[in-house]
C-alpha atoms as a PDB file:
ATOM      1  CA  UNK A   1      15.049  -3.104  77.923  1.00  0.00           C
ATOM      2  CA  UNK A   2      13.905  -5.393  81.100  1.00  0.00           C
ATOM      3  CA  UNK A   3      15.611  -4.954  84.024  1.00  0.00           C
ATOM      4  CA  UNK A   4      17.318  -7.747  85.330  1.00  0.00           C
ATOM      5  CA  UNK A   5      18.035  -9.611  88.634  1.00  0.00           C
ATOM      6  CA  UNK A   6      22.047  -8.921  87.478  1.00  0.00           C
ATOM      7  CA  UNK A   7      20.433  -5.469  87.317  1.00  0.00           C
ATOM      8  CA  UNK A   8      19.077  -5.165  90.887  1.00  0.00           C
ATOM      9  CA  UNK A   9      22.211  -6.928  92.509  1.00  0.00           C
ATOM     10  CA  UNK A  10      24.444  -3.958  91.075  1.00  0.00           C
ATOM     11  CA  UNK A  11      21.923  -1.194  92.036  1.00  0.00           C
ATOM     12  CA  UNK A  12      21.652  -2.399  95.546  1.00  0.00           C
ATOM     13  CA  UNK A  13      25.248  -3.018  96.072  1.00  0.00           C
ATOM     14  CA  UNK A  14      25.043  -7.047  96.189  1.00  0.00           C
ATOM     15  CA  UNK A  15      25.991  -9.962  94.646  1.00  0.00           C
ATOM     16  CA  UNK A  16      23.495 -12.153  92.899  1.00  0.00           C
ATOM     17  CA  UNK A  17      22.919 -14.892  94.699  1.00  0.00           C
ATOM     18  CA  UNK A  18      22.234 -12.076  97.754  1.00  0.00           C
ATOM     19  CA  UNK A  19      19.957 -10.219  95.730  1.00  0.00           C
ATOM     20  CA  UNK A  20      17.848 -13.576  94.915  1.00  0.00           C
ATOM     21  CA  UNK A  21      17.658 -14.794  98.515  1.00  0.00           C
ATOM     22  CA  UNK A  22      16.680 -11.067  99.315  1.00  0.00           C
ATOM     23  CA  UNK A  23      13.721 -11.839  96.341  1.00  0.00           C
ATOM     24  CA  UNK A  24      12.634 -15.427  97.567  1.00  0.00           C
ATOM     25  CA  UNK A  25      12.898 -14.904 100.882  1.00  0.00           C
ATOM     26  CA  UNK A  26      15.612 -18.247 101.229  1.00  0.00           C
ATOM     27  CA  UNK A  27      18.591 -18.303 102.868  1.00  0.00           C
ATOM     28  CA  UNK A  28      20.509 -16.001 105.274  1.00  0.00           C
ATOM     29  CA  UNK A  29      19.627 -12.093 104.417  1.00  0.00           C
ATOM     30  CA  UNK A  30      19.599  -9.716 107.297  1.00  0.00           C
ATOM     31  CA  UNK A  31      16.241  -8.003 106.985  1.00  0.00           C
ATOM     32  CA  UNK A  32      18.125  -4.626 106.274  1.00  0.00           C
ATOM     33  CA  UNK A  33      19.382  -6.590 103.172  1.00  0.00           C
ATOM     34  CA  UNK A  34      16.086  -7.647 102.153  1.00  0.00           C
ATOM     35  CA  UNK A  35      14.490  -4.004 102.654  1.00  0.00           C
ATOM     36  CA  UNK A  36      17.081  -2.670 100.588  1.00  0.00           C
ATOM     37  CA  UNK A  37      16.900  -5.148  97.805  1.00  0.00           C
ATOM     38  CA  UNK A  38      13.206  -4.903  97.449  1.00  0.00           C
ATOM     39  CA  UNK A  39      13.092  -1.483  97.501  1.00  0.00           C
ATOM     40  CA  UNK A  40      15.522  -1.600  94.840  1.00  0.00           C
ATOM     41  CA  UNK A  41      14.000  -3.774  92.819  1.00  0.00           C
ATOM     42  CA  UNK A  42      10.599  -1.909  93.104  1.00  0.00           C
ATOM     43  CA  UNK A  43      12.087   1.172  91.929  1.00  0.00           C
ATOM     44  CA  UNK A  44      13.696  -0.398  89.133  1.00  0.00           C
ATOM     45  CA  UNK A  45      10.455  -2.244  88.068  1.00  0.00           C
ATOM     46  CA  UNK A  46      12.310  -5.294  88.093  1.00  0.00           C
ATOM     47  CA  UNK A  47      10.038  -7.588  87.313  1.00  0.00           C
ATOM     48  CA  UNK A  48      10.372 -11.901  88.546  1.00  0.00           C
ATOM     49  CA  UNK A  49      11.037 -14.280  85.312  1.00  0.00           C
ATOM     50  CA  UNK A  50       8.105 -16.517  86.619  1.00  0.00           C
ATOM     51  CA  UNK A  51       8.864 -19.531  83.376  1.00  0.00           C
ATOM     52  CA  UNK A  52      13.087 -18.825  84.050  1.00  0.00           C
ATOM     53  CA  UNK A  53      12.109 -19.535  87.872  1.00  0.00           C
ATOM     54  CA  UNK A  54       9.980 -22.307  86.829  1.00  0.00           C
ATOM     55  CA  UNK A  55      12.481 -23.687  84.951  1.00  0.00           C
ATOM     56  CA  UNK A  56      15.025 -23.502  87.661  1.00  0.00           C
ATOM     57  CA  UNK A  57      13.431 -24.521  90.941  1.00  0.00           C
ATOM     58  CA  UNK A  58      11.204 -27.357  89.065  1.00  0.00           C
ATOM     59  CA  UNK A  59      11.347 -30.855  90.595  1.00  0.00           C
ATOM     60  CA  UNK A  60      14.730 -31.283  88.408  1.00  0.00           C
ATOM     61  CA  UNK A  61      15.897 -27.777  89.152  1.00  0.00           C
ATOM     62  CA  UNK A  62      19.760 -29.788  89.063  1.00  0.00           C
ATOM     63  CA  UNK A  63      23.106 -27.927  87.906  1.00  0.00           C
ATOM     64  CA  UNK A  64      26.278 -30.740  86.598  1.00  0.00           C
ATOM     65  CA  UNK A  65      29.693 -30.192  88.087  1.00  0.00           C
ATOM     66  CA  UNK A  66      32.725 -32.149  85.894  1.00  0.00           C
ATOM     67  CA  UNK A  67      35.939 -32.443  88.441  1.00  0.00           C
ATOM     68  CA  UNK A  68      39.397 -34.825  87.464  1.00  0.00           C
ATOM     69  CA  UNK A  69      39.482 -35.747  90.969  1.00  0.00           C
ATOM     70  CA  UNK A  70      36.299 -35.467  94.067  1.00  0.00           C
ATOM     71  CA  UNK A  71      38.806 -37.172  96.207  1.00  0.00           C
ATOM     72  CA  UNK A  72      41.457 -33.791  95.970  1.00  0.00           C
ATOM     73  CA  UNK A  73      40.294 -31.551  99.001  1.00  0.00           C
ATOM     74  CA  UNK A  74      40.602 -28.402  96.473  1.00  0.00           C
ATOM     75  CA  UNK A  75      38.186 -29.967  94.370  1.00  0.00           C
ATOM     76  CA  UNK A  76      36.187 -31.585  97.333  1.00  0.00           C
ATOM     77  CA  UNK A  77      36.201 -28.212  99.244  1.00  0.00           C
ATOM     78  CA  UNK A  78      35.348 -26.024  95.868  1.00  0.00           C
ATOM     79  CA  UNK A  79      31.960 -28.297  95.576  1.00  0.00           C
ATOM     80  CA  UNK A  80      31.250 -27.685  98.990  1.00  0.00           C
ATOM     81  CA  UNK A  81      31.230 -24.043  97.857  1.00  0.00           C
ATOM     82  CA  UNK A  82      29.047 -24.160  94.801  1.00  0.00           C
ATOM     83  CA  UNK A  83      26.518 -26.332  96.765  1.00  0.00           C
ATOM     84  CA  UNK A  84      25.891 -23.129  99.012  1.00  0.00           C
ATOM     85  CA  UNK A  85      25.921 -20.650  96.256  1.00  0.00           C
ATOM     86  CA  UNK A  86      23.345 -22.715  94.230  1.00  0.00           C
ATOM     87  CA  UNK A  87      21.211 -23.072  97.359  1.00  0.00           C
ATOM     88  CA  UNK A  88      20.498 -19.847  96.677  1.00  0.00           C
ATOM     89  CA  UNK A  89      18.972 -20.126  93.308  1.00  0.00           C
ATOM     90  CA  UNK A  90      16.645 -23.194  95.138  1.00  0.00           C
ATOM     91  CA  UNK A  91      19.583 -25.405  92.670  1.00  0.00           C
ATOM     92  CA  UNK A  92      20.784 -28.892  93.550  1.00  0.00           C
ATOM     93  CA  UNK A  93      24.773 -29.730  92.510  1.00  0.00           C
ATOM     94  CA  UNK A  94      25.220 -33.160  90.653  1.00  0.00           C
ATOM     95  CA  UNK A  95      28.663 -34.373  90.995  1.00  0.00           C
ATOM     96  CA  UNK A  96      30.511 -36.081  88.776  1.00  0.00           C
ATOM     97  CA  UNK A  97      34.272 -37.375  88.534  1.00  0.00           C
ATOM     98  CA  UNK A  98      35.867 -37.880  85.243  1.00  0.00           C
ATOM     99  CA  UNK A  99      39.325 -38.961  86.968  1.00  0.00           C
ATOM    100  CA  UNK A 100      41.124 -37.258  84.776  1.00  0.00           C
ATOM    101  CA  UNK A 101      40.454 -39.049  82.063  1.00  0.00           C
ATOM    102  CA  UNK A 102      39.764 -37.747  78.314  1.00  0.00           C
ATOM    103  CA  UNK A 103      36.940 -40.959  77.977  1.00  0.00           C
ATOM    104  CA  UNK A 104      35.144 -40.656  81.643  1.00  0.00           C
ATOM    105  CA  UNK A 105      35.245 -36.668  80.714  1.00  0.00           C
ATOM    106  CA  UNK A 106      33.183 -37.022  77.504  1.00  0.00           C
ATOM    107  CA  UNK A 107      30.706 -39.487  78.794  1.00  0.00           C
ATOM    108  CA  UNK A 108      29.989 -37.544  82.043  1.00  0.00           C
ATOM    109  CA  UNK A 109      29.509 -34.476  79.782  1.00  0.00           C
ATOM    110  CA  UNK A 110      27.096 -35.930  77.811  1.00  0.00           C
ATOM    111  CA  UNK A 111      25.336 -37.882  80.535  1.00  0.00           C
ATOM    112  CA  UNK A 112      24.692 -34.599  82.095  1.00  0.00           C
ATOM    113  CA  UNK A 113      23.654 -33.159  79.097  1.00  0.00           C
ATOM    114  CA  UNK A 114      20.978 -35.415  78.172  1.00  0.00           C
ATOM    115  CA  UNK A 115      19.511 -35.410  81.543  1.00  0.00           C
ATOM    116  CA  UNK A 116      18.909 -32.171  80.305  1.00  0.00           C
ATOM    117  CA  UNK A 117      20.611 -30.233  83.572  1.00  0.00           C
ATOM    118  CA  UNK A 118      20.678 -26.475  83.329  1.00  0.00           C
ATOM    119  CA  UNK A 119      24.027 -26.123  83.187  1.00  0.00           C
ATOM    120  CA  UNK A 120      27.207 -27.127  83.912  1.00  0.00           C
ATOM    121  CA  UNK A 121      30.507 -26.144  85.770  1.00  0.00           C
ATOM    122  CA  UNK A 122      33.390 -28.506  84.412  1.00  0.00           C
ATOM    123  CA  UNK A 123      37.149 -28.771  85.136  1.00  0.00           C
ATOM    124  CA  UNK A 124      38.924 -30.008  81.909  1.00  0.00           C
ATOM    125  CA  UNK A 125      40.726 -32.795  82.165  1.00  0.00           C
ATOM    126  CA  UNK A 126      43.293 -32.052  79.107  1.00  0.00           C
ATOM    127  CA  UNK A 127      44.194 -28.352  77.726  1.00  0.00           C
ATOM    128  CA  UNK A 128      43.528 -29.416  74.417  1.00  0.00           C
ATOM    129  CA  UNK A 129      41.788 -32.972  74.001  1.00  0.00           C
ATOM    130  CA  UNK A 130      38.931 -31.726  76.398  1.00  0.00           C
ATOM    131  CA  UNK A 131      37.802 -29.151  73.550  1.00  0.00           C
ATOM    132  CA  UNK A 132      35.627 -30.576  71.271  1.00  0.00           C
ATOM    133  CA  UNK A 133      33.265 -31.973  73.622  1.00  0.00           C
ATOM    134  CA  UNK A 134      32.832 -28.695  75.981  1.00  0.00           C
ATOM    135  CA  UNK A 135      32.804 -26.505  72.589  1.00  0.00           C
ATOM    136  CA  UNK A 136      29.602 -28.716  71.481  1.00  0.00           C
ATOM    137  CA  UNK A 137      28.200 -29.292  74.999  1.00  0.00           C
ATOM    138  CA  UNK A 138      28.360 -25.560  75.358  1.00  0.00           C
ATOM    139  CA  UNK A 139      26.532 -25.097  72.422  1.00  0.00           C
ATOM    140  CA  UNK A 140      23.124 -26.984  73.765  1.00  0.00           C
ATOM    141  CA  UNK A 141      23.448 -25.536  77.477  1.00  0.00           C
ATOM    142  CA  UNK A 142      25.265 -22.883  79.448  1.00  0.00           C
ATOM    143  CA  UNK A 143      28.684 -23.794  80.034  1.00  0.00           C
ATOM    144  CA  UNK A 144      31.256 -22.745  83.098  1.00  0.00           C
ATOM    145  CA  UNK A 145      35.104 -23.519  83.292  1.00  0.00           C
ATOM    146  CA  UNK A 146      36.394 -23.847  86.390  1.00  0.00           C
ATOM    147  CA  UNK A 147      39.688 -23.864  87.830  1.00  0.00           C
ATOM    148  CA  UNK A 148      41.349 -25.282  84.314  1.00  0.00           C
ATOM    149  CA  UNK A 149      40.545 -23.904  80.414  1.00  0.00           C
ATOM    150  CA  UNK A 150      40.549 -25.630  77.206  1.00  0.00           C
ATOM    151  CA  UNK A 151      42.561 -23.821  74.609  1.00  0.00           C
ATOM    152  CA  UNK A 152      40.930 -21.309  72.125  1.00  0.00           C
ATOM    153  CA  UNK A 153      37.802 -20.754  74.527  1.00  0.00           C
ATOM    154  CA  UNK A 154      37.340 -16.780  73.914  1.00  0.00           C
ATOM    155  CA  UNK A 155      33.797 -17.945  73.417  1.00  0.00           C
ATOM    156  CA  UNK A 156      33.788 -19.962  76.474  1.00  0.00           C
ATOM    157  CA  UNK A 157      32.703 -18.542  80.024  1.00  0.00           C
ATOM    158  CA  UNK A 158      35.917 -19.276  82.505  1.00  0.00           C
ATOM    159  CA  UNK A 159      36.650 -18.643  86.194  1.00  0.00           C
ATOM    160  CA  UNK A 160      39.742 -19.671  88.228  1.00  0.00           C
ATOM    161  CA  UNK A 161      43.182 -17.775  89.474  1.00  0.00           C
ATOM    162  CA  UNK A 162      45.903 -15.640  88.486  1.00  0.00           C
ATOM    163  CA  UNK A 163      48.450 -18.783  88.808  1.00  0.00           C
ATOM    164  CA  UNK A 164      51.359 -16.678  87.737  1.00  0.00           C
ATOM    165  CA  UNK A 165      50.692 -14.100  90.338  1.00  0.00           C
ATOM    166  CA  UNK A 166      50.292 -17.527  93.058  1.00  0.00           C
ATOM    167  CA  UNK A 167      53.483 -18.375  91.901  1.00  0.00           C
ATOM    168  CA  UNK A 168      55.410 -15.543  91.773  1.00  0.00           C
ATOM    169  CA  UNK A 169      54.443 -14.649  95.555  1.00  0.00           C
ATOM    170  CA  UNK A 170      55.891 -17.925  97.050  1.00  0.00           C
ATOM    171  CA  UNK A 171      58.857 -17.754  95.332  1.00  0.00           C
ATOM    172  CA  UNK A 172      59.373 -14.295  96.588  1.00  0.00           C
ATOM    173  CA  UNK A 173      58.438 -15.595 100.177  1.00  0.00           C
ATOM    174  CA  UNK A 174      61.252 -18.504  99.903  1.00  0.00           C
ATOM    175  CA  UNK A 175      63.733 -15.978  98.506  1.00  0.00           C
ATOM    176  CA  UNK A 176      62.566 -13.368 101.466  1.00  0.00           C
ATOM    177  CA  UNK A 177      63.564 -16.520 103.541  1.00  0.00           C
ATOM    178  CA  UNK A 178      66.941 -17.009 101.886  1.00  0.00           C
ATOM    179  CA  UNK A 179      66.356 -19.783  99.125  1.00  0.00           C
ATOM    180  CA  UNK A 180      68.768 -19.138  96.129  1.00  0.00           C
ATOM    181  CA  UNK A 181      68.229 -22.498  94.863  1.00  0.00           C
ATOM    182  CA  UNK A 182      64.621 -23.641  93.598  1.00  0.00           C
ATOM    183  CA  UNK A 183      63.045 -26.474  92.256  1.00  0.00           C
ATOM    184  CA  UNK A 184      59.417 -26.996  90.617  1.00  0.00           C
ATOM    185  CA  UNK A 185      57.614 -29.903  91.193  1.00  0.00           C
ATOM    186  CA  UNK A 186      54.539 -30.153  89.341  1.00  0.00           C
ATOM    187  CA  UNK A 187      51.838 -31.289  86.917  1.00  0.00           C
ATOM    188  CA  UNK A 188      52.376 -31.714  83.172  1.00  0.00           C
ATOM    189  CA  UNK A 189      50.888 -29.678  79.881  1.00  0.00           C
ATOM    190  CA  UNK A 190      48.159 -31.714  79.777  1.00  0.00           C
ATOM    191  CA  UNK A 191      46.217 -29.208  81.508  1.00  0.00           C
ATOM    192  CA  UNK A 192      46.393 -25.392  81.399  1.00  0.00           C
ATOM    193  CA  UNK A 193      47.245 -25.132  85.577  1.00  0.00           C
ATOM    194  CA  UNK A 194      49.910 -27.699  84.729  1.00  0.00           C
ATOM    195  CA  UNK A 195      51.428 -25.194  81.602  1.00  0.00           C
ATOM    196  CA  UNK A 196      50.766 -22.170  83.700  1.00  0.00           C
ATOM    197  CA  UNK A 197      52.692 -22.772  87.182  1.00  0.00           C
ATOM    198  CA  UNK A 198      55.312 -24.304  85.242  1.00  0.00           C
ATOM    199  CA  UNK A 199      56.051 -21.809  82.880  1.00  0.00           C
ATOM    200  CA  UNK A 200      55.527 -18.887  85.958  1.00  0.00           C
ATOM    201  CA  UNK A 201      57.780 -20.342  87.924  1.00  0.00           C
ATOM    202  CA  UNK A 202      60.722 -19.825  85.104  1.00  0.00           C
ATOM    203  CA  UNK A 203      59.532 -16.656  84.072  1.00  0.00           C
ATOM    204  CA  UNK A 204      59.344 -15.534  87.858  1.00  0.00           C
ATOM    205  CA  UNK A 205      62.478 -17.588  89.363  1.00  0.00           C
ATOM    206  CA  UNK A 206      64.555 -15.824  86.356  1.00  0.00           C
ATOM    207  CA  UNK A 207      63.447 -12.103  87.413  1.00  0.00           C
ATOM    208  CA  UNK A 208      64.108 -12.879  91.401  1.00  0.00           C
ATOM    209  CA  UNK A 209      67.793 -14.276  90.081  1.00  0.00           C
ATOM    210  CA  UNK A 210      67.844 -17.703  91.760  1.00  0.00           C
ATOM    211  CA  UNK A 211      69.376 -20.500  90.180  1.00  0.00           C
ATOM    212  CA  UNK A 212      66.683 -22.699  88.965  1.00  0.00           C
ATOM    213  CA  UNK A 213      67.448 -26.886  88.909  1.00  0.00           C
ATOM    214  CA  UNK A 214      65.354 -29.162  86.743  1.00  0.00           C
ATOM    215  CA  UNK A 215      62.089 -29.398  87.566  1.00  0.00           C
ATOM    216  CA  UNK A 216      60.638 -32.682  88.368  1.00  0.00           C
ATOM    217  CA  UNK A 217      56.938 -33.210  86.514  1.00  0.00           C
ATOM    218  CA  UNK A 218      54.131 -36.161  86.360  1.00  0.00           C
ATOM    219  CA  UNK A 219      50.772 -35.830  88.235  1.00  0.00           C
ATOM    220  CA  UNK A 220      48.811 -34.288  90.955  1.00  0.00           C
ATOM    221  CA  UNK A 221      49.417 -36.619  93.312  1.00  0.00           C
ATOM    222  CA  UNK A 222      50.171 -37.195  96.781  1.00  0.00           C
ATOM    223  CA  UNK A 223      52.320 -40.498  95.769  1.00  0.00           C
ATOM    224  CA  UNK A 224      54.337 -37.993  93.128  1.00  0.00           C
ATOM    225  CA  UNK A 225      55.283 -35.801  95.729  1.00  0.00           C
ATOM    226  CA  UNK A 226      57.039 -39.074  98.013  1.00  0.00           C
ATOM    227  CA  UNK A 227      58.647 -40.224  94.893  1.00  0.00           C
ATOM    228  CA  UNK A 228      59.569 -36.293  93.524  1.00  0.00           C
ATOM    229  CA  UNK A 229      61.400 -35.886  97.429  1.00  0.00           C
ATOM    230  CA  UNK A 230      63.533 -39.372  96.719  1.00  0.00           C
ATOM    231  CA  UNK A 231      64.352 -38.251  93.069  1.00  0.00           C
ATOM    232  CA  UNK A 232      65.601 -34.619  94.525  1.00  0.00           C
ATOM    233  CA  UNK A 233      67.727 -36.693  97.411  1.00  0.00           C
ATOM    234  CA  UNK A 234      69.624 -38.475  94.909  1.00  0.00           C
ATOM    235  CA  UNK A 235      70.703 -34.776  93.670  1.00  0.00           C
ATOM    236  CA  UNK A 236      74.244 -33.486  94.109  1.00  0.00           C
ATOM    237  CA  UNK A 237      72.577 -30.518  95.699  1.00  0.00           C
ATOM    238  CA  UNK A 238      69.278 -30.563  97.154  1.00  0.00           C
ATOM    239  CA  UNK A 239      67.573 -26.969  96.315  1.00  0.00           C
ATOM    240  CA  UNK A 240      67.231 -24.609  99.299  1.00  0.00           C
ATOM    241  CA  UNK A 241      62.869 -24.351  98.178  1.00  0.00           C
ATOM    242  CA  UNK A 242      60.878 -26.602  96.476  1.00  0.00           C
ATOM    243  CA  UNK A 243      57.950 -25.150  94.704  1.00  0.00           C
ATOM    244  CA  UNK A 244      55.162 -27.946  94.707  1.00  0.00           C
ATOM    245  CA  UNK A 245      52.632 -27.163  91.488  1.00  0.00           C
ATOM    246  CA  UNK A 246      49.715 -27.786  94.057  1.00  0.00           C
ATOM    247  CA  UNK A 247      49.230 -29.069  98.076  1.00  0.00           C
ATOM    248  CA  UNK A 248      48.680 -32.709  97.508  1.00  0.00           C
ATOM    249  CA  UNK A 249      52.121 -32.689  95.801  1.00  0.00           C
ATOM    250  CA  UNK A 250      53.249 -30.602  98.348  1.00  0.00           C
ATOM    251  CA  UNK A 251      52.305 -32.617 101.421  1.00  0.00           C
ATOM    252  CA  UNK A 252      53.560 -35.795  99.529  1.00  0.00           C
ATOM    253  CA  UNK A 253      57.416 -33.753  99.068  1.00  0.00           C
ATOM    254  CA  UNK A 254      56.884 -33.194 102.610  1.00  0.00           C
ATOM    255  CA  UNK A 255      56.129 -36.615 104.266  1.00  0.00           C
ATOM    256  CA  UNK A 256      59.134 -38.166 101.434  1.00  0.00           C
ATOM    257  CA  UNK A 257      62.145 -35.864 102.982  1.00  0.00           C
ATOM    258  CA  UNK A 258      60.888 -36.645 106.718  1.00  0.00           C
ATOM    259  CA  UNK A 259      60.755 -40.024 106.194  1.00  0.00           C
ATOM    260  CA  UNK A 260      64.637 -39.886 104.656  1.00  0.00           C
ATOM    261  CA  UNK A 261      65.657 -38.278 107.350  1.00  0.00           C
ATOM    262  CA  UNK A 262      65.637 -34.315 106.272  1.00  0.00           C
ATOM    263  CA  UNK A 263      64.281 -31.676 108.177  1.00  0.00           C
ATOM    264  CA  UNK A 264      61.675 -29.141 106.481  1.00  0.00           C
ATOM    265  CA  UNK A 265      62.644 -26.120 106.150  1.00  0.00           C
ATOM    266  CA  UNK A 266      65.654 -26.377 107.959  1.00  0.00           C
ATOM    267  CA  UNK A 267      67.416 -28.744 105.224  1.00  0.00           C
ATOM    268  CA  UNK A 268      64.697 -27.190 103.027  1.00  0.00           C
ATOM    269  CA  UNK A 269      61.965 -25.646 102.216  1.00  0.00           C
ATOM    270  CA  UNK A 270      58.701 -26.338 100.660  1.00  0.00           C
ATOM    271  CA  UNK A 271      55.678 -24.553  99.222  1.00  0.00           C
ATOM    272  CA  UNK A 272      52.240 -25.549  98.109  1.00  0.00           C
ATOM    273  CA  UNK A 273      49.333 -24.339  96.067  1.00  0.00           C
ATOM    274  CA  UNK A 274      45.533 -24.450  96.810  1.00  0.00           C
ATOM    275  CA  UNK A 275      45.088 -23.590 100.475  1.00  0.00           C
ATOM    276  CA  UNK A 276      43.290 -26.783 101.162  1.00  0.00           C
ATOM    277  CA  UNK A 277      42.973 -28.341 104.515  1.00  0.00           C
ATOM    278  CA  UNK A 278      46.025 -30.599 103.931  1.00  0.00           C
ATOM    279  CA  UNK A 279      47.879 -27.229 104.513  1.00  0.00           C
ATOM    280  CA  UNK A 280      46.787 -27.038 108.425  1.00  0.00           C
ATOM    281  CA  UNK A 281      47.159 -30.746 109.285  1.00  0.00           C
ATOM    282  CA  UNK A 282      50.627 -31.701 107.745  1.00  0.00           C
ATOM    283  CA  UNK A 283      53.664 -30.885 110.227  1.00  0.00           C
ATOM    284  CA  UNK A 284      55.250 -28.393 109.887  1.00  0.00           C
ATOM    285  CA  UNK A 285      52.041 -26.583 108.432  1.00  0.00           C
ATOM    286  CA  UNK A 286      52.422 -25.838 104.784  1.00  0.00           C
ATOM    287  CA  UNK A 287      53.213 -22.166 103.243  1.00  0.00           C
ATOM    288  CA  UNK A 288      50.566 -22.018 100.433  1.00  0.00           C
ATOM    289  CA  UNK A 289      48.863 -20.081  97.918  1.00  0.00           C
ATOM    290  CA  UNK A 290      45.539 -20.026  98.770  1.00  0.00           C
ATOM    291  CA  UNK A 291      42.699 -20.153  96.343  1.00  0.00           C
ATOM    292  CA  UNK A 292      39.658 -17.942  97.315  1.00  0.00           C
ATOM    293  CA  UNK A 293      37.078 -20.773  96.491  1.00  0.00           C
ATOM    294  CA  UNK A 294      34.218 -19.375  98.228  1.00  0.00           C
ATOM    295  CA  UNK A 295      34.878 -16.599  95.678  1.00  0.00           C
ATOM    296  CA  UNK A 296      35.599 -18.557  92.588  1.00  0.00           C
ATOM    297  CA  UNK A 297      32.446 -20.312  93.451  1.00  0.00           C
ATOM    298  CA  UNK A 298      30.194 -17.117  93.758  1.00  0.00           C
ATOM    299  CA  UNK A 299      31.305 -15.705  89.941  1.00  0.00           C
ATOM    300  CA  UNK A 300      31.297 -18.673  88.542  1.00  0.00           C
ATOM    301  CA  UNK A 301      27.468 -18.967  89.539  1.00  0.00           C
ATOM    302  CA  UNK A 302      26.647 -15.961  88.662  1.00  0.00           C
ATOM    303  CA  UNK A 303      28.084 -16.474  85.342  1.00  0.00           C
ATOM    304  CA  UNK A 304      26.197 -19.888  84.761  1.00  0.00           C
ATOM    305  CA  UNK A 305      22.694 -17.991  86.262  1.00  0.00           C
ATOM    306  CA  UNK A 306      23.359 -14.975  83.589  1.00  0.00           C
ATOM    307  CA  UNK A 307      23.559 -17.782  80.853  1.00  0.00           C
ATOM    308  CA  UNK A 308      20.592 -19.797  82.169  1.00  0.00           C
ATOM    309  CA  UNK A 309      18.654 -16.359  82.224  1.00  0.00           C
ATOM    310  CA  UNK A 310      19.984 -15.351  78.982  1.00  0.00           C
ATOM    311  CA  UNK A 311      20.853 -17.479  75.800  1.00  0.00           C
ATOM    312  CA  UNK A 312      22.765 -14.973  74.204  1.00  0.00           C
ATOM    313  CA  UNK A 313      25.107 -13.739  77.007  1.00  0.00           C
ATOM    314  CA  UNK A 314      28.259 -13.563  76.099  1.00  0.00           C
ATOM    315  CA  UNK A 315      31.177 -15.590  78.091  1.00  0.00           C
ATOM    316  CA  UNK A 316      33.459 -13.931  80.054  1.00  0.00           C
ATOM    317  CA  UNK A 317      36.895 -14.593  81.672  1.00  0.00           C
ATOM    318  CA  UNK A 318      37.976 -14.309  85.397  1.00  0.00           C
ATOM    319  CA  UNK A 319      41.238 -14.862  87.047  1.00  0.00           C
ATOM    320  CA  UNK A 320      41.657 -13.730  90.657  1.00  0.00           C
ATOM    321  CA  UNK A 321      44.103 -13.338  92.820  1.00  0.00           C
ATOM    322  CA  UNK A 322      45.594 -16.085  95.375  1.00  0.00           C
ATOM    323  CA  UNK A 323      46.699 -14.722  99.308  1.00  0.00           C
ATOM    324  CA  UNK A 324      49.811 -16.232 100.535  1.00  0.00           C
ATOM    325  CA  UNK A 325      49.167 -18.615 103.729  1.00  0.00           C
ATOM    326  CA  UNK A 326      52.713 -18.612 104.920  1.00  0.00           C
ATOM    327  CA  UNK A 327      53.082 -22.456 107.174  1.00  0.00           C
ATOM    328  CA  UNK A 328      55.919 -23.648 108.906  1.00  0.00           C
ATOM    329  CA  UNK A 329      57.032 -25.782 105.910  1.00  0.00           C
ATOM    330  CA  UNK A 330      59.093 -22.215 105.093  1.00  0.00           C
ATOM    331  CA  UNK A 331      59.929 -20.561 108.532  1.00  0.00           C
ATOM    332  CA  UNK A 332      59.305 -19.671 111.663  1.00  0.00           C
ATOM    333  CA  UNK A 333      56.151 -18.620 112.192  1.00  0.00           C
ATOM    334  CA  UNK A 334      52.644 -20.356 112.443  1.00  0.00           C
ATOM    335  CA  UNK A 335      50.043 -20.412 109.293  1.00  0.00           C
ATOM    336  CA  UNK A 336      49.269 -16.592 108.217  1.00  0.00           C
ATOM    337  CA  UNK A 337      47.796 -14.866 105.458  1.00  0.00           C
ATOM    338  CA  UNK A 338      49.107 -11.582 103.803  1.00  0.00           C
ATOM    339  CA  UNK A 339      48.825  -9.686 100.114  1.00  0.00           C
ATOM    340  CA  UNK A 340      44.973  -9.827 100.199  1.00  0.00           C
ATOM    341  CA  UNK A 341      43.610 -11.199  96.567  1.00  0.00           C
ATOM    342  CA  UNK A 342      41.649  -9.071  94.437  1.00  0.00           C
ATOM    343  CA  UNK A 343      39.621  -9.680  90.970  1.00  0.00           C
ATOM    344  CA  UNK A 344      41.193  -9.273  87.754  1.00  0.00           C
ATOM    345  CA  UNK A 345      39.208  -8.062  84.952  1.00  0.00           C
ATOM    346  CA  UNK A 346      37.594 -10.231  82.603  1.00  0.00           C
ATOM    347  CA  UNK A 347      38.298 -11.567  78.625  1.00  0.00           C
ATOM    348  CA  UNK A 348      42.039 -11.255  79.185  1.00  0.00           C
ATOM    349  CA  UNK A 349      44.211 -13.597  77.190  1.00  0.00           C
ATOM    350  CA  UNK A 350      45.117 -17.152  78.924  1.00  0.00           C
ATOM    351  CA  UNK A 351      48.200 -18.691  78.779  1.00  0.00           C
END
């Protein structure tokens, strides 16, 4: 069996992107790493796939990505990380925004496929309704789901985070800060992320013995966070802590409470999810579950490259751990990191 670039990377103890840079003399790679990779390639008898390289590095060396809202700081940061990773393979990224709408998602996916891009990363707009088109496109070219996934996707690749562990991190944190009553403000069940984080909140709060108020559910929007704050203010008792489904909702909540004369975290604690720039620029700074965006991009790009190089390569599922970043929205300390994340296994059942 021919030696692959992945074999060289594994033997040298580096990522496939680093191995590609070292063998191609492109990008930032130290002399020591370049020498190690090249010596490993020689020892294993690695031969560059000239045809595959020509296909990837041609004038139309483009990979597509479909995201639900590119203006969301999380997806903007993720796109940046993907561009950096793809540069190692001399590939460019074509960005398409579905606005979270099924019709637009179908149109964007078909447009990218018709352009004969090398592969597509997709953040599905819907857990169920997005599946038929994504499965159809995946039969024509390599596809990797990112952040979100569709139902019954055992044959599709996916890279994201362990949402249950991330929600558990922030709930344990606010419990440790004295919270006894909590409420979840997040997205509905149209996406896998919305489902997973909401379900994880209920399960984790029960394990911790916390009193749970009725959730407020809509979409991942700042404006929804503002509205949710008003709804919570009308209740007979404000929860001790509000767990938001993402940083956009969390910053909306924070602004909403402050505008109505409430103090964060003295009157109510707030946590987010994603670890975007929003966590740093709001006041107080936001406690959030930090997603490892650079690692997500690295793993997803490596998987796509395997599928580009080998059309028979099996799909894989990878979940990465989040990191708790503590800010002023839950306590007395400045933004800090704890509980470093690690990669979980592949091909796991997905809720």
